[in-house]
Protein backbone atom coordinates (compact mmCIF):
# COMPACT_ATOMS: atom_id res chain seq x y z
CA MET A 1 -123.51 -212.39 36.09
CA ARG A 2 -125.45 -214.96 38.13
CA LYS A 3 -128.17 -214.22 40.71
CA THR A 4 -127.43 -214.20 44.36
CA LEU A 5 -129.19 -214.11 47.72
CA PRO A 6 -130.79 -210.78 48.98
CA LEU A 7 -127.93 -210.43 51.61
CA LYS A 8 -125.39 -210.31 48.85
CA SER A 9 -127.35 -208.40 46.40
CA PHE A 10 -126.37 -205.06 47.45
CA VAL A 11 -122.63 -206.17 46.98
CA LEU A 12 -123.68 -207.42 43.27
CA CYS A 13 -125.46 -204.38 42.69
CA VAL A 14 -122.59 -202.19 43.71
CA LEU A 15 -120.42 -204.24 41.33
CA LEU A 16 -122.67 -203.87 38.37
CA LEU A 17 -123.22 -200.12 38.92
CA LEU A 18 -119.40 -200.02 38.72
CA THR A 19 -118.64 -202.06 35.61
CA THR A 20 -121.83 -201.46 33.40
CA ALA A 21 -123.93 -198.56 34.49
CA CYS A 22 -122.28 -196.13 37.04
CA SER A 23 -121.91 -192.92 34.89
CA SER A 24 -122.32 -190.73 37.94
CA SER A 25 -119.96 -189.96 40.47
CA PHE A 26 -122.94 -188.51 42.63
CA VAL A 27 -124.17 -192.19 42.82
CA TYR A 28 -120.96 -193.91 43.42
CA ASN A 29 -119.90 -191.69 46.15
CA ARG A 30 -123.29 -192.46 47.96
CA LEU A 31 -123.25 -196.29 47.58
CA ASP A 32 -122.02 -196.98 51.00
CA THR A 33 -124.89 -195.03 52.19
CA LEU A 34 -127.29 -196.91 49.81
CA ALA A 35 -125.87 -200.05 50.76
CA GLY A 36 -126.56 -199.21 54.55
CA TRP A 37 -130.01 -198.65 53.63
CA TYR A 38 -130.68 -201.80 51.89
CA LEU A 39 -129.21 -204.03 54.84
CA GLY A 40 -130.94 -201.59 57.32
CA SER A 41 -134.38 -203.11 55.35
CA LEU A 42 -133.30 -206.62 56.22
CA VAL A 43 -132.33 -206.29 59.99
CA SER A 44 -132.64 -203.57 62.58
CA LEU A 45 -129.07 -202.93 64.04
CA ASP A 46 -128.03 -201.15 67.37
CA ALA A 47 -125.97 -198.04 67.48
CA ASP A 48 -122.62 -199.98 67.69
CA GLN A 49 -123.61 -202.14 64.82
CA ARG A 50 -124.73 -199.50 62.71
CA GLN A 51 -121.20 -197.63 63.15
CA GLN A 52 -119.42 -201.03 62.29
CA LEU A 53 -121.55 -201.22 59.24
CA GLN A 54 -120.94 -197.73 58.14
CA GLN A 55 -117.18 -197.89 58.82
CA TRP A 56 -116.98 -201.03 56.86
CA LEU A 57 -118.85 -199.74 53.93
CA THR A 58 -116.77 -196.58 53.85
CA ARG A 59 -113.50 -198.64 53.97
CA THR A 60 -114.75 -200.74 51.09
CA LEU A 61 -115.79 -197.67 48.94
CA ASP A 62 -112.22 -196.13 49.68
CA TRP A 63 -110.54 -199.31 48.69
CA HIS A 64 -112.73 -199.86 45.81
CA ARG A 65 -112.25 -196.39 44.19
CA GLN A 66 -108.33 -196.48 45.11
CA SER A 67 -107.64 -200.19 43.87
CA GLU A 68 -110.25 -201.42 41.34
CA LEU A 69 -111.81 -198.72 39.19
CA GLN A 70 -108.68 -198.15 36.97
CA ARG A 71 -108.52 -201.98 36.76
CA TYR A 72 -112.00 -201.80 35.28
CA ALA A 73 -110.95 -198.93 33.02
CA GLY A 74 -108.15 -200.39 31.81
CA PHE A 75 -110.14 -203.57 30.92
CA LEU A 76 -112.70 -201.52 29.14
CA ARG A 77 -110.09 -199.88 26.86
CA GLU A 78 -108.54 -203.25 26.07
CA LEU A 79 -112.00 -204.43 25.37
CA SER A 80 -112.69 -201.23 23.15
CA GLN A 81 -109.78 -202.36 20.86
CA GLN A 82 -110.87 -206.01 20.34
CA VAL A 83 -114.61 -205.08 19.50
CA LEU A 84 -113.35 -203.68 16.25
CA GLN A 85 -112.66 -207.03 15.00
CA PRO A 86 -114.66 -210.09 15.12
CA GLY A 87 -113.91 -212.24 18.15
CA THR A 88 -114.10 -216.00 18.89
CA PRO A 89 -115.77 -218.24 21.51
CA ALA A 90 -112.29 -218.49 23.25
CA SER A 91 -112.23 -214.42 23.68
CA TYR A 92 -115.62 -214.14 24.79
CA GLU A 93 -114.87 -216.90 27.42
CA GLN A 94 -111.79 -214.94 28.48
CA THR A 95 -113.99 -211.68 28.63
CA GLN A 96 -116.30 -213.58 30.83
CA LYS A 97 -113.55 -214.82 33.04
CA GLN A 98 -112.06 -211.40 33.59
CA PHE A 99 -115.40 -210.18 34.90
CA GLU A 100 -115.85 -213.29 37.17
CA ARG A 101 -112.21 -212.34 38.52
CA PHE A 102 -113.26 -208.69 39.24
CA TRP A 103 -116.49 -210.24 41.08
CA ALA A 104 -114.29 -212.70 43.04
CA ASP A 105 -111.75 -209.98 44.15
CA PHE A 106 -114.82 -207.83 45.29
CA VAL A 107 -116.21 -210.77 47.32
CA ALA A 108 -112.89 -211.66 48.65
CA LYS A 109 -112.61 -208.09 49.96
CA THR A 110 -116.01 -207.71 51.47
CA ALA A 111 -117.03 -211.37 52.76
CA PRO A 112 -114.93 -211.30 55.93
CA ASP A 113 -116.49 -208.06 57.36
CA ALA A 114 -119.61 -209.02 56.37
CA ALA A 115 -119.12 -212.53 58.18
CA ALA A 116 -118.15 -210.88 61.27
CA LEU A 117 -120.86 -208.23 61.21
CA LEU A 118 -123.51 -211.29 60.89
CA GLN A 119 -122.01 -213.49 63.54
CA ARG A 120 -122.46 -210.68 66.09
CA LEU A 121 -126.29 -210.56 65.51
CA SER A 122 -128.40 -211.42 68.53
CA PRO A 123 -130.98 -214.15 68.38
CA GLN A 124 -133.79 -211.51 67.87
CA GLN A 125 -131.78 -210.01 64.88
CA VAL A 126 -131.40 -213.47 63.43
CA ASP A 127 -135.22 -214.03 63.56
CA GLU A 128 -135.77 -210.62 62.00
CA LEU A 129 -133.27 -211.24 59.17
CA ILE A 130 -134.55 -214.80 58.46
CA GLY A 131 -138.08 -213.44 58.45
CA ASN A 132 -137.36 -210.67 56.07
CA MET A 133 -135.24 -212.82 53.66
CA ASP A 134 -138.37 -215.08 53.76
CA GLU A 135 -140.58 -212.36 52.88
CA LYS A 136 -138.45 -211.35 50.06
CA ALA A 137 -138.08 -214.71 48.73
CA ARG A 138 -141.96 -215.17 48.49
CA GLU A 139 -142.10 -211.63 46.73
CA ARG A 140 -139.64 -212.87 44.17
CA ALA A 141 -141.37 -216.08 43.61
CA GLY A 142 -144.59 -214.43 43.22
CA LYS A 143 -142.97 -212.09 40.43
CA GLU A 144 -141.16 -214.77 38.77
CA ALA A 145 -144.45 -216.80 38.09
CA GLY A 146 -145.73 -216.04 34.66
CA ASP A 147 -146.40 -217.47 31.15
CA LEU A 148 -143.44 -219.25 29.40
CA ASP A 149 -144.10 -217.27 25.87
CA GLU A 150 -144.20 -214.02 27.91
CA TRP A 151 -140.98 -214.76 29.41
CA ARG A 152 -139.30 -215.42 26.37
CA ARG A 153 -140.69 -212.29 24.80
CA ASP A 154 -138.97 -210.29 27.86
CA GLN A 155 -135.66 -212.11 26.96
CA VAL A 156 -136.06 -210.78 23.26
CA LYS A 157 -136.74 -207.48 24.34
CA GLY A 158 -134.02 -207.29 27.01
CA LEU A 159 -131.29 -208.65 24.76
CA THR A 160 -132.34 -206.22 21.85
CA ARG A 161 -132.22 -203.38 24.26
CA PHE A 162 -128.88 -204.39 25.46
CA LEU A 163 -127.47 -204.66 21.81
CA LYS A 164 -128.93 -201.38 20.63
CA ARG A 165 -127.46 -199.70 23.88
CA TRP A 166 -124.00 -200.78 22.88
CA SER A 167 -123.97 -201.10 19.14
CA GLY A 168 -126.45 -197.91 18.35
CA SER A 169 -128.74 -200.16 16.27
CA VAL A 170 -130.23 -203.65 15.71
CA SER A 171 -130.76 -205.09 12.08
CA ASP A 172 -133.34 -207.32 10.99
CA GLU A 173 -130.92 -210.12 10.77
CA GLN A 174 -129.78 -209.67 14.65
CA LYS A 175 -133.54 -209.44 15.69
CA ALA A 176 -134.01 -212.80 13.98
CA LEU A 177 -130.98 -214.33 15.81
CA ILE A 178 -132.03 -213.05 19.20
CA ALA A 179 -135.59 -214.29 18.78
CA ALA A 180 -134.17 -217.70 17.57
CA THR A 181 -131.99 -217.83 20.84
CA ALA A 182 -134.85 -216.73 23.19
CA ALA A 183 -137.00 -219.72 21.77
CA GLN A 184 -134.37 -222.16 23.09
CA LEU A 185 -133.58 -220.60 26.50
CA GLU A 186 -135.05 -222.44 29.46
CA PRO A 187 -136.31 -220.43 32.44
CA SER A 188 -134.49 -221.46 35.52
CA GLN A 189 -136.40 -219.10 37.86
CA HIS A 190 -137.84 -221.98 40.14
CA GLU A 191 -134.47 -223.80 40.27
CA TRP A 192 -132.85 -220.67 41.31
CA LEU A 193 -135.15 -219.91 44.09
CA ALA A 194 -134.69 -223.44 45.29
CA SER A 195 -130.90 -222.77 45.19
CA GLN A 196 -131.53 -219.54 47.20
CA ALA A 197 -133.78 -221.47 49.78
CA ALA A 198 -131.09 -223.87 50.30
CA TRP A 199 -128.40 -220.99 50.78
CA GLN A 200 -130.70 -219.38 53.24
CA ARG A 201 -131.37 -222.39 55.40
CA ASP A 202 -127.52 -223.01 55.74
CA LEU A 203 -127.15 -219.31 56.78
CA GLU A 204 -129.98 -219.64 59.26
CA THR A 205 -128.43 -222.76 60.64
CA ILE A 206 -125.01 -221.26 61.19
CA LEU A 207 -126.42 -218.14 62.65
CA ARG A 208 -128.46 -220.08 65.23
CA THR A 209 -125.47 -222.45 66.18
CA ASP A 210 -123.52 -221.72 69.49
CA ALA A 211 -120.00 -221.83 68.49
CA VAL A 212 -116.69 -219.78 69.01
CA SER A 213 -116.98 -216.46 67.08
CA GLY A 214 -113.81 -217.09 65.06
CA GLU A 215 -115.20 -220.46 63.99
CA LYS A 216 -118.56 -218.93 63.53
CA THR A 217 -117.28 -216.27 61.28
CA ALA A 218 -115.03 -218.56 59.23
CA ARG A 219 -118.24 -220.67 58.32
CA ILE A 220 -120.17 -217.47 57.36
CA GLU A 221 -117.43 -216.34 55.17
CA GLN A 222 -117.25 -219.55 53.50
CA LEU A 223 -121.17 -219.44 52.78
CA LEU A 224 -120.80 -215.88 51.22
CA THR A 225 -117.82 -216.80 48.92
CA HIS A 226 -118.78 -220.20 47.87
CA ALA A 227 -122.80 -219.61 47.46
CA ASP A 228 -122.73 -221.68 44.21
CA ASN A 229 -121.79 -224.58 46.39
CA ARG A 230 -125.46 -224.50 47.45
CA TRP A 231 -127.02 -224.51 43.71
CA THR A 232 -129.30 -227.49 42.88
CA GLN A 233 -128.12 -229.72 40.15
CA GLU A 234 -131.11 -228.59 38.06
CA TYR A 235 -130.04 -225.12 38.31
CA VAL A 236 -126.45 -225.88 37.42
CA ASP A 237 -127.60 -228.08 34.34
CA LYS A 238 -130.02 -225.16 32.95
CA SER A 239 -127.59 -222.47 33.48
CA GLN A 240 -124.67 -224.43 31.49
CA ARG A 241 -127.04 -225.17 28.68
CA ASN A 242 -128.32 -221.54 28.70
CA ARG A 243 -124.68 -220.06 28.91
CA GLN A 244 -123.69 -222.06 25.77
CA ARG A 245 -126.87 -220.74 24.02
CA TYR A 246 -125.89 -217.15 24.92
CA LEU A 247 -122.22 -217.93 23.75
CA ASP A 248 -123.47 -219.19 20.55
CA LEU A 249 -125.71 -216.01 20.17
CA ILE A 250 -122.60 -213.65 20.80
CA THR A 251 -120.86 -215.52 18.17
CA SER A 252 -123.63 -215.03 15.59
CA LEU A 253 -124.12 -211.43 16.59
CA ASP A 254 -120.53 -210.74 16.25
CA ALA A 255 -120.31 -211.84 12.86
CA THR A 256 -123.07 -209.73 11.51
CA LEU A 257 -121.79 -206.33 13.32
CA SER A 258 -121.35 -203.39 10.83
CA SER A 259 -118.30 -201.11 11.01
CA ARG A 260 -120.48 -198.53 12.35
CA GLN A 261 -121.70 -200.66 15.10
CA ARG A 262 -118.21 -201.78 16.11
CA GLN A 263 -117.23 -197.95 16.28
CA HIS A 264 -120.17 -197.13 18.44
CA MET A 265 -119.37 -199.94 20.85
CA ARG A 266 -115.89 -198.83 20.81
CA SER A 267 -117.19 -195.23 21.82
CA LYS A 268 -119.40 -196.46 24.47
CA LEU A 269 -116.56 -198.62 26.27
CA LEU A 270 -114.13 -195.75 26.00
CA GLU A 271 -116.71 -193.29 27.61
CA LEU A 272 -117.36 -195.67 30.48
CA ALA A 273 -113.76 -196.08 30.92
CA ALA A 274 -113.30 -192.26 31.19
CA GLN A 275 -116.12 -191.99 33.67
CA LEU A 276 -114.40 -194.42 35.84
CA ASP A 277 -111.34 -192.85 35.81
CA THR A 278 -113.04 -189.42 36.61
CA ILE A 279 -114.70 -191.36 39.66
CA ALA A 280 -111.24 -192.83 40.65
CA ARG A 281 -109.78 -189.58 40.86
CA GLY A 282 -112.62 -188.23 43.39
CA LYS A 283 -113.79 -185.65 40.54
CA SER A 284 -117.68 -185.09 40.08
């Protein structure tokens, strides 16, 4: 999934937890509180705003439990059958598009309330929000700076861990395929940071503009739901090239999977689907 701005990161993190790593209903049932803490680190809210924020997050979590979790579980069960046989580039693209639809539905549900809350920030709160976002951007820029060879080694480690998590093991042939792909990947950290800076400048402009509340809210919502419109062309180009490299890697790895690895993938997907079902039913 693509990187996003801090203001949307808590939403993205929630979705990632739900679709890939949320194995605990204890965590899920407290995501609204965790998200509130994150937003509180960006801007100080008054009592009414905190209440509005908590009500929104609680509504969102309730909707997500009742409406979305079983959709995710059903999709994972379908995927658990597909992984038993080699796939095709078309089937991989379809899987990616389904994840993107889940994300689009989540954003469409959460963006209106997020925009309404943002448009009610005072000038002083806007100053604080933008200042904290600037600080976090500088922190990320510092972390992203590094040696190219080291960055590619990190890609190899990350991809290898991911494959081992889902397949149970990684063969020498698969390690070689991962290393060959990592050697071709293009770092896009600088381009991503430039894209986020452009998005943030647009947000600041809207928040500091005097406008009718409904019009202002609509502009913020548009910015939240179409963040990719602020991506630089350099970032788009690199992302597209890397996306194709990842697709080629998936195709190559799929062709090397053993029957045992496929069965392990199926078991992991069914396990996650069952966990989501349990959370959807409100059980610990």
